[in-house]
């Protein structure tokens, strides 16, 4: 699990790096909010479309070689983004990076599920790797681009090379243990209704996360009167809070049950986003941290719930919960940017407050999926659920 978690960190640097590059595209190339958010869209659009396809492919064939190849592809696109001569070419290479990230996650999530042996906490550690990559991305981008300008982005390929090496080592380690690295089927029936409702809630979470990722840096600069350091700090808080939230989510789920934890996390997110938008001064950092916790506590739980709702299509479930439903938030980034251009950045971010409440409503009535070899528990309402050992 350690190799998988570290490899996940190296790959997800390139999701966080796109948002980290937005302020530099605005300052060095004078992009509007809408144009800058289009960069985020480029990273998300093809990823959203193709990730379930990669998941379906991994349900049919063993594709462990996809892990190192996708890591290198994700890194190459971001590395080239700062040296492209036009906006169109910048969008194109960032989209290629998105495809690489999309190809990585379904196979990686399947391998992590096999390594976790049913532990929510272990899956939390796998997800933590990705969240750490997200969190370090703004610092890495700032260190490279603030000193060398956008022309220095080719240096950002280094994590991809390291990640590819870690993926190769993880695949070899799994093969030496005789662990599954490709297609595998589990007993049980697929519950598409519950899976689609869960996916809808994840989409709501995704829109909030991507909207804040794209614009919280610029917004905090305005609210606090600080410069680039203040904005980068806010983005780091948004991402670093996930490091704590993801591991905490796994531990809480082992004790209280996944759905109970996920539902309360959506409530916390709604209140925290309201605080980010409405509370003035440096306290905005506290509410950014609380928003991060609310967004990340359910992160690994979304994955395991989706896999258990579709036990015969684990790759597809992983592609949707870890990819499509998460990446689709990027499709709404230009809407948030256009609203900011037409009104104000504060108004645009205020529109995000309602989405966690909508996600919480979608989760009402869902039941904890049955363990792969056991019967499903009785349906319940929106209250707490007993803990389950399924993953």
Protein backbone atom coordinates (compact mmCIF):
# COMPACT_ATOMS: atom_id res chain seq x y z
CA UNK A 1 0.00 0.00 0.00
CA UNK A 2 2.93 2.36 0.66
CA UNK A 3 4.14 2.23 -2.96
CA UNK A 4 0.60 2.76 -4.25
CA UNK A 5 0.05 5.71 -1.92
CA UNK A 6 3.33 7.37 -2.92
CA UNK A 7 2.63 6.80 -6.60
CA UNK A 8 -0.83 8.28 -6.12
CA UNK A 9 0.78 11.38 -4.62
CA UNK A 10 3.06 11.81 -7.63
CA UNK A 11 0.18 11.51 -10.11
CA UNK A 12 -2.24 13.79 -8.28
CA UNK A 13 0.36 16.54 -8.20
CA UNK A 14 -0.84 17.20 -11.74
CA UNK A 15 -4.43 17.77 -10.70
CA UNK A 16 -3.40 20.28 -8.06
CA UNK A 17 -0.79 21.85 -10.35
CA UNK A 18 -3.41 23.03 -12.84
CA UNK A 19 -5.18 25.12 -10.20
CA UNK A 20 -1.81 26.29 -8.89
CA UNK A 21 -0.91 27.58 -12.35
CA UNK A 22 -4.12 29.63 -12.74
CA UNK A 23 -2.86 32.78 -10.90
CA UNK A 24 0.30 32.74 -13.03
CA UNK A 25 -1.68 32.48 -16.25
CA UNK A 26 -3.76 35.45 -15.05
CA UNK A 27 -0.73 37.57 -14.12
CA UNK A 28 1.70 36.65 -16.92
CA UNK A 29 -0.74 36.20 -19.80
CA UNK A 30 -3.56 38.50 -18.65
CA UNK A 31 -6.19 35.74 -18.93
CA UNK A 32 -9.69 36.67 -17.74
CA UNK A 33 -11.37 34.65 -14.99
CA UNK A 34 -13.35 32.76 -17.63
CA UNK A 35 -10.24 32.04 -19.72
CA UNK A 36 -8.28 30.91 -16.68
CA UNK A 37 -11.10 28.61 -15.61
CA UNK A 38 -11.01 27.16 -19.11
CA UNK A 39 -7.58 25.77 -18.25
CA UNK A 40 -9.20 23.90 -15.36
CA UNK A 41 -11.93 22.74 -17.75
CA UNK A 42 -9.34 21.40 -20.18
CA UNK A 43 -7.78 19.30 -17.43
CA UNK A 44 -11.20 17.93 -16.44
CA UNK A 45 -13.21 17.54 -19.64
CA UNK A 46 -11.49 14.63 -21.37
CA UNK A 47 -10.74 13.11 -17.99
CA UNK A 48 -14.48 13.14 -17.24
CA UNK A 49 -15.37 11.52 -20.54
CA UNK A 50 -12.73 8.80 -20.69
CA UNK A 51 -12.30 7.73 -17.08
CA UNK A 52 -15.30 5.35 -17.04
CA UNK A 53 -13.98 3.93 -20.32
CA UNK A 54 -10.67 3.10 -18.68
CA UNK A 55 -12.61 1.63 -15.75
CA UNK A 56 -14.62 -0.61 -18.07
CA UNK A 57 -11.42 -1.73 -19.80
CA UNK A 58 -9.82 -2.70 -16.49
CA UNK A 59 -12.95 -4.71 -15.66
CA UNK A 60 -12.26 -6.81 -18.76
CA UNK A 61 -8.47 -7.04 -18.99
CA UNK A 62 -5.45 -6.84 -16.72
CA UNK A 63 -3.72 -3.53 -17.45
CA UNK A 64 -1.04 -2.97 -14.77
CA UNK A 65 1.24 -1.36 -17.38
CA UNK A 66 -1.28 1.50 -17.52
CA UNK A 67 -0.10 2.82 -14.14
CA UNK A 68 3.42 4.02 -15.11
CA UNK A 69 2.35 5.09 -18.61
CA UNK A 70 -0.49 7.24 -17.29
CA UNK A 71 1.78 8.81 -14.66
CA UNK A 72 4.20 9.95 -17.38
CA UNK A 73 1.37 11.24 -19.59
CA UNK A 74 -0.16 13.27 -16.77
CA UNK A 75 3.18 14.89 -15.99
CA UNK A 76 4.13 15.64 -19.60
CA UNK A 77 0.99 17.67 -20.27
CA UNK A 78 1.44 19.97 -17.28
CA UNK A 79 5.19 20.27 -17.94
CA UNK A 80 4.46 21.61 -21.45
CA UNK A 81 1.62 23.95 -20.43
CA UNK A 82 3.83 26.93 -19.63
CA UNK A 83 5.84 26.85 -22.85
CA UNK A 84 3.03 26.57 -25.38
CA UNK A 85 2.78 29.57 -27.68
CA UNK A 86 -0.99 29.94 -27.70
CA UNK A 87 -4.04 29.53 -25.51
CA UNK A 88 -5.33 26.68 -27.72
CA UNK A 89 -2.09 24.70 -27.41
CA UNK A 90 -2.06 25.28 -23.66
CA UNK A 91 -5.57 23.84 -23.44
CA UNK A 92 -4.51 20.88 -25.58
CA UNK A 93 -1.52 19.81 -23.47
CA UNK A 94 -3.43 20.28 -20.21
CA UNK A 95 -6.18 18.07 -21.67
CA UNK A 96 -3.56 15.40 -22.43
CA UNK A 97 -2.49 15.60 -18.79
CA UNK A 98 -6.12 15.07 -17.79
CA UNK A 99 -6.28 11.91 -19.90
CA UNK A 100 -3.17 10.57 -18.20
CA UNK A 101 -4.66 11.20 -14.76
CA UNK A 102 -7.93 9.59 -15.89
CA UNK A 103 -6.17 6.45 -17.11
CA UNK A 104 -4.32 6.04 -13.81
CA UNK A 105 -7.13 6.06 -11.26
CA UNK A 106 -9.39 3.06 -12.05
CA UNK A 107 -6.50 0.55 -12.17
CA UNK A 108 -4.85 2.15 -9.13
CA UNK A 109 -8.09 2.04 -7.12
CA UNK A 110 -8.55 -1.64 -7.99
CA UNK A 111 -5.00 -2.43 -6.87
CA UNK A 112 -5.53 -0.45 -3.65
CA UNK A 113 -8.77 -2.29 -2.94
CA UNK A 114 -6.95 -5.61 -3.26
CA UNK A 115 -4.16 -4.41 -0.97
CA UNK A 116 -6.55 -2.93 1.62
CA UNK A 117 -8.30 -6.28 2.35
CA UNK A 118 -11.51 -4.55 3.43
CA UNK A 119 -10.02 -1.84 5.63
CA UNK A 120 -11.48 1.66 5.24
CA UNK A 121 -8.45 3.05 7.03
CA UNK A 122 -6.09 1.41 4.51
CA UNK A 123 -8.07 2.89 1.63
CA UNK A 124 -7.84 6.20 3.48
CA UNK A 125 -4.06 5.96 3.36
CA UNK A 126 -4.19 5.31 -0.38
CA UNK A 127 -6.41 8.36 -0.88
CA UNK A 128 -4.13 10.33 1.43
CA UNK A 129 -1.34 9.91 -1.10
CA UNK A 130 -3.41 11.66 -3.74
CA UNK A 131 -4.41 14.41 -1.34
CA UNK A 132 -0.79 15.03 -0.37
CA UNK A 133 0.03 15.36 -4.05
CA UNK A 134 -2.75 17.91 -4.37
CA UNK A 135 -1.51 19.79 -1.34
CA UNK A 136 2.11 19.93 -2.44
CA UNK A 137 1.26 20.97 -5.99
CA UNK A 138 0.78 24.72 -5.31
CA UNK A 139 4.06 24.83 -3.40
CA UNK A 140 5.85 23.00 -6.19
CA UNK A 141 4.33 25.27 -8.83
CA UNK A 142 5.16 28.38 -6.81
CA UNK A 143 8.75 27.26 -6.26
CA UNK A 144 9.27 26.58 -9.97
CA UNK A 145 7.16 29.22 -11.69
CA UNK A 146 7.60 32.10 -9.25
CA UNK A 147 11.36 31.88 -9.78
CA UNK A 148 11.58 30.89 -13.46
CA UNK A 149 8.25 32.05 -14.88
CA UNK A 150 5.91 29.88 -16.92
CA UNK A 151 8.86 28.93 -19.11
CA UNK A 152 10.16 26.78 -16.26
CA UNK A 153 7.19 24.40 -16.21
CA UNK A 154 9.16 21.56 -17.93
CA UNK A 155 10.80 21.03 -14.52
CA UNK A 156 7.39 19.90 -13.26
CA UNK A 157 7.83 16.57 -15.06
CA UNK A 158 10.04 15.25 -12.22
CA UNK A 159 7.20 13.90 -10.02
CA UNK A 160 5.84 11.99 -13.04
CA UNK A 161 9.14 10.19 -13.53
CA UNK A 162 9.29 9.31 -9.83
CA UNK A 163 5.66 8.22 -9.86
CA UNK A 164 6.17 5.97 -12.88
CA UNK A 165 9.08 4.25 -11.12
CA UNK A 166 6.96 3.72 -7.99
CA UNK A 167 4.13 2.28 -10.08
CA UNK A 168 6.49 -0.21 -11.71
CA UNK A 169 7.73 -1.23 -8.26
CA UNK A 170 4.17 -1.63 -6.95
CA UNK A 171 3.15 -3.82 -9.89
CA UNK A 172 6.22 -6.02 -9.47
CA UNK A 173 5.62 -6.31 -5.73
CA UNK A 174 1.99 -7.36 -6.27
CA UNK A 175 3.04 -9.91 -8.87
CA UNK A 176 5.68 -11.38 -6.55
CA UNK A 177 3.05 -11.85 -3.84
CA UNK A 178 0.66 -13.43 -6.30
CA UNK A 179 -1.80 -10.57 -5.75
CA UNK A 180 -4.35 -9.62 -8.35
CA UNK A 181 -3.27 -6.78 -10.61
CA UNK A 182 -5.97 -6.91 -13.21
CA UNK A 183 -9.50 -8.08 -13.74
CA UNK A 184 -11.30 -9.66 -10.83
CA UNK A 185 -14.94 -10.37 -10.02
CA UNK A 186 -16.65 -10.53 -6.67
CA UNK A 187 -19.94 -12.07 -5.64
CA UNK A 188 -22.94 -9.82 -5.29
CA UNK A 189 -25.37 -7.87 -7.42
CA UNK A 190 -24.96 -4.34 -8.74
CA UNK A 191 -27.17 -1.64 -7.19
CA UNK A 192 -27.22 1.00 -9.94
CA UNK A 193 -29.87 3.17 -8.30
CA UNK A 194 -27.83 3.72 -5.15
CA UNK A 195 -24.65 4.10 -7.16
CA UNK A 196 -26.14 6.86 -9.33
CA UNK A 197 -27.40 8.77 -6.30
CA UNK A 198 -24.00 8.51 -4.67
CA UNK A 199 -22.43 9.75 -7.91
CA UNK A 200 -24.78 12.74 -7.94
CA UNK A 201 -23.65 13.68 -4.44
CA UNK A 202 -20.01 13.36 -5.50
CA UNK A 203 -20.69 15.71 -8.43
CA UNK A 204 -22.00 18.33 -5.99
CA UNK A 205 -18.88 17.90 -3.90
CA UNK A 206 -16.74 18.14 -7.03
CA UNK A 207 -18.22 21.45 -8.20
CA UNK A 208 -17.51 23.01 -4.81
CA UNK A 209 -13.97 21.63 -4.71
CA UNK A 210 -13.03 22.64 -8.27
CA UNK A 211 -14.62 26.09 -7.90
CA UNK A 212 -12.66 26.77 -4.74
CA UNK A 213 -9.48 25.25 -6.18
CA UNK A 214 -9.64 27.59 -9.16
CA UNK A 215 -10.53 30.80 -7.33
CA UNK A 216 -9.86 30.61 -3.58
CA UNK A 217 -6.30 31.85 -4.12
CA UNK A 218 -7.49 34.98 -5.94
CA UNK A 219 -10.40 35.45 -3.52
CA UNK A 220 -8.23 35.34 -0.40
CA UNK A 221 -5.86 37.86 -1.97
CA UNK A 222 -8.84 40.22 -2.28
CA UNK A 223 -10.26 39.52 1.19
CA UNK A 224 -7.01 39.83 3.13
CA UNK A 225 -5.21 42.37 0.98
CA UNK A 226 -2.27 39.99 0.74
CA UNK A 227 -0.28 39.11 -2.34
CA UNK A 228 0.62 35.87 -4.03
CA UNK A 229 1.82 34.35 -0.75
CA UNK A 230 -1.58 34.86 0.89
CA UNK A 231 -3.36 33.24 -2.03
CA UNK A 232 -0.97 30.29 -2.25
CA UNK A 233 -1.31 29.75 1.49
CA UNK A 234 -5.10 29.50 1.17
CA UNK A 235 -4.81 26.95 -1.63
CA UNK A 236 -2.36 24.92 0.44
CA UNK A 237 -4.74 24.99 3.42
CA UNK A 238 -7.54 23.76 1.14
CA UNK A 239 -5.40 20.84 0.03
CA UNK A 240 -3.51 20.09 3.25
CA UNK A 241 -6.73 19.81 5.23
CA UNK A 242 -7.48 16.85 3.01
CA UNK A 243 -4.45 15.00 4.36
CA UNK A 244 -6.06 14.98 7.80
CA UNK A 245 -9.61 14.60 6.56
CA UNK A 246 -9.03 11.55 4.39
CA UNK A 247 -7.34 9.48 7.10
CA UNK A 248 -9.88 10.65 9.68
CA UNK A 249 -12.70 9.63 7.34
CA UNK A 250 -11.43 6.06 7.14
CA UNK A 251 -11.05 5.77 10.91
CA UNK A 252 -14.45 7.32 11.60
CA UNK A 253 -16.08 4.99 9.07
CA UNK A 254 -14.54 1.94 10.73
CA UNK A 255 -16.24 3.09 13.95
CA UNK A 256 -19.54 4.73 12.90
CA UNK A 257 -20.22 3.47 9.37
CA UNK A 258 -19.49 5.05 6.02
CA UNK A 259 -22.82 6.67 5.21
CA UNK A 260 -23.19 8.30 8.63
CA UNK A 261 -19.76 9.90 8.25
CA UNK A 262 -20.34 10.96 4.64
CA UNK A 263 -23.67 12.63 5.46
CA UNK A 264 -22.26 14.66 8.33
CA UNK A 265 -19.32 15.71 6.17
CA UNK A 266 -21.68 17.25 3.62
CA UNK A 267 -23.38 19.25 6.37
CA UNK A 268 -20.00 20.54 7.59
CA UNK A 269 -19.01 21.50 4.05
CA UNK A 270 -22.07 23.65 3.49
CA UNK A 271 -21.55 25.59 6.71
CA UNK A 272 -17.81 25.99 6.09
CA UNK A 273 -18.23 27.30 2.53
CA UNK A 274 -20.66 29.89 3.88
CA UNK A 275 -17.96 30.93 6.34
CA UNK A 276 -15.37 31.29 3.56
CA UNK A 277 -17.68 33.60 1.64
CA UNK A 278 -19.23 35.61 4.46
CA UNK A 279 -16.72 35.88 7.34
CA UNK A 280 -14.18 38.68 6.83
CA UNK A 281 -10.47 38.93 7.57
CA UNK A 282 -7.79 36.33 8.24
CA UNK A 283 -10.38 33.99 9.77
CA UNK A 284 -11.11 32.99 6.19
CA UNK A 285 -8.23 30.53 6.56
CA UNK A 286 -10.07 28.72 9.37
CA UNK A 287 -13.14 28.27 7.19
CA UNK A 288 -11.01 27.15 4.25
CA UNK A 289 -9.56 24.47 6.56
CA UNK A 290 -13.04 23.39 7.71
CA UNK A 291 -14.22 23.28 4.11
CA UNK A 292 -11.24 21.09 3.28
CA UNK A 293 -12.10 18.69 6.09
CA UNK A 294 -15.73 18.49 4.96
CA UNK A 295 -14.72 17.85 1.37
CA UNK A 296 -12.06 15.24 2.11
CA UNK A 297 -13.47 13.18 4.99
CA UNK A 298 -15.79 11.31 2.59
CA UNK A 299 -13.25 11.05 -0.24
CA UNK A 300 -12.04 7.45 0.20
CA UNK A 301 -15.49 6.44 1.47
CA UNK A 302 -17.05 7.51 -1.84
CA UNK A 303 -14.69 5.09 -3.59
CA UNK A 304 -15.39 2.07 -1.40
CA UNK A 305 -19.15 2.73 -1.34
CA UNK A 306 -19.18 2.91 -5.14
CA UNK A 307 -17.16 -0.29 -5.44
CA UNK A 308 -19.52 -2.09 -3.06
CA UNK A 309 -22.62 -0.80 -4.87
CA UNK A 310 -21.16 -2.26 -8.10
CA UNK A 311 -19.21 -5.33 -6.88
CA UNK A 312 -19.14 -6.86 -10.37
CA UNK A 313 -17.82 -3.67 -11.98
CA UNK A 314 -15.16 -2.43 -9.59
CA UNK A 315 -13.15 -0.73 -12.34
CA UNK A 316 -16.20 1.11 -13.65
CA UNK A 317 -17.19 2.14 -10.13
CA UNK A 318 -13.68 3.42 -9.47
CA UNK A 319 -13.61 5.29 -12.76
CA UNK A 320 -16.82 7.11 -11.89
CA UNK A 321 -16.37 7.80 -8.16
CA UNK A 322 -12.66 8.61 -8.36
CA UNK A 323 -12.80 10.11 -11.84
CA UNK A 324 -15.95 11.09 -13.69
CA UNK A 325 -18.01 12.37 -10.77
CA UNK A 326 -14.95 14.20 -9.39
CA UNK A 327 -13.69 15.60 -12.69
CA UNK A 328 -17.10 16.74 -13.88
CA UNK A 329 -16.82 19.62 -11.43
CA UNK A 330 -14.30 21.07 -13.85
CA UNK A 331 -17.07 21.41 -16.42
CA UNK A 332 -18.69 23.98 -14.16
CA UNK A 333 -15.51 25.98 -13.54
CA UNK A 334 -16.14 28.26 -16.56
CA UNK A 335 -19.66 28.91 -15.25
CA UNK A 336 -18.20 30.04 -11.92
CA UNK A 337 -15.62 32.14 -13.78
CA UNK A 338 -18.20 33.74 -16.05
CA UNK A 339 -20.40 34.57 -13.05
CA UNK A 340 -17.37 36.14 -11.35
CA UNK A 341 -16.66 38.24 -14.46
CA UNK A 342 -20.30 39.37 -14.60
CA UNK A 343 -20.74 40.08 -10.88
CA UNK A 344 -17.92 39.51 -8.43
CA UNK A 345 -15.76 36.63 -7.26
CA UNK A 346 -17.57 36.68 -3.90
CA UNK A 347 -20.97 36.29 -5.58
CA UNK A 348 -19.69 33.43 -7.72
CA UNK A 349 -18.34 31.56 -4.70
CA UNK A 350 -21.54 32.22 -2.74
CA UNK A 351 -23.41 30.20 -5.35
CA UNK A 352 -21.45 27.14 -4.20
CA UNK A 353 -23.04 27.15 -0.73
CA UNK A 354 -26.19 25.31 -1.84
CA UNK A 355 -24.41 22.37 -3.45
CA UNK A 356 -23.40 20.44 -0.29
CA UNK A 357 -27.04 20.62 0.84
CA UNK A 358 -28.14 19.14 -2.49
CA UNK A 359 -25.55 16.39 -2.14
CA UNK A 360 -26.80 15.67 1.38
CA UNK A 361 -30.34 15.25 0.07
CA UNK A 362 -29.18 12.76 -2.54
CA UNK A 363 -27.62 10.65 0.20
CA UNK A 364 -30.89 10.38 2.15
CA UNK A 365 -32.40 6.90 2.02
CA UNK A 366 -29.25 5.16 0.84
CA UNK A 367 -28.28 2.02 2.71
CA UNK A 368 -24.90 0.59 3.50
CA UNK A 369 -24.03 -1.87 0.72
CA UNK A 370 -23.69 -5.49 1.69
CA UNK A 371 -20.24 -7.04 2.14
CA UNK A 372 -19.27 -9.02 -0.98
CA UNK A 373 -20.22 -12.38 0.55
CA UNK A 374 -22.98 -11.28 2.88
CA UNK A 375 -26.62 -10.17 2.74
CA UNK A 376 -27.58 -6.54 2.39
CA UNK A 377 -28.71 -4.75 5.52
CA UNK A 378 -32.22 -3.42 5.70
CA UNK A 379 -32.91 -0.04 4.08
CA UNK A 380 -32.75 2.94 6.37
CA UNK A 381 -33.32 6.65 6.44
CA UNK A 382 -30.93 9.56 6.82
CA UNK A 383 -29.77 8.67 10.30
CA UNK A 384 -26.56 6.91 11.40
CA UNK A 385 -25.77 3.42 10.15
CA UNK A 386 -23.94 0.62 11.95
CA UNK A 387 -20.34 0.08 11.00
CA UNK A 388 -19.51 -2.41 8.30
CA UNK A 389 -16.25 -4.09 7.41
CA UNK A 390 -16.85 -4.06 3.67
CA UNK A 391 -14.58 -2.01 1.49
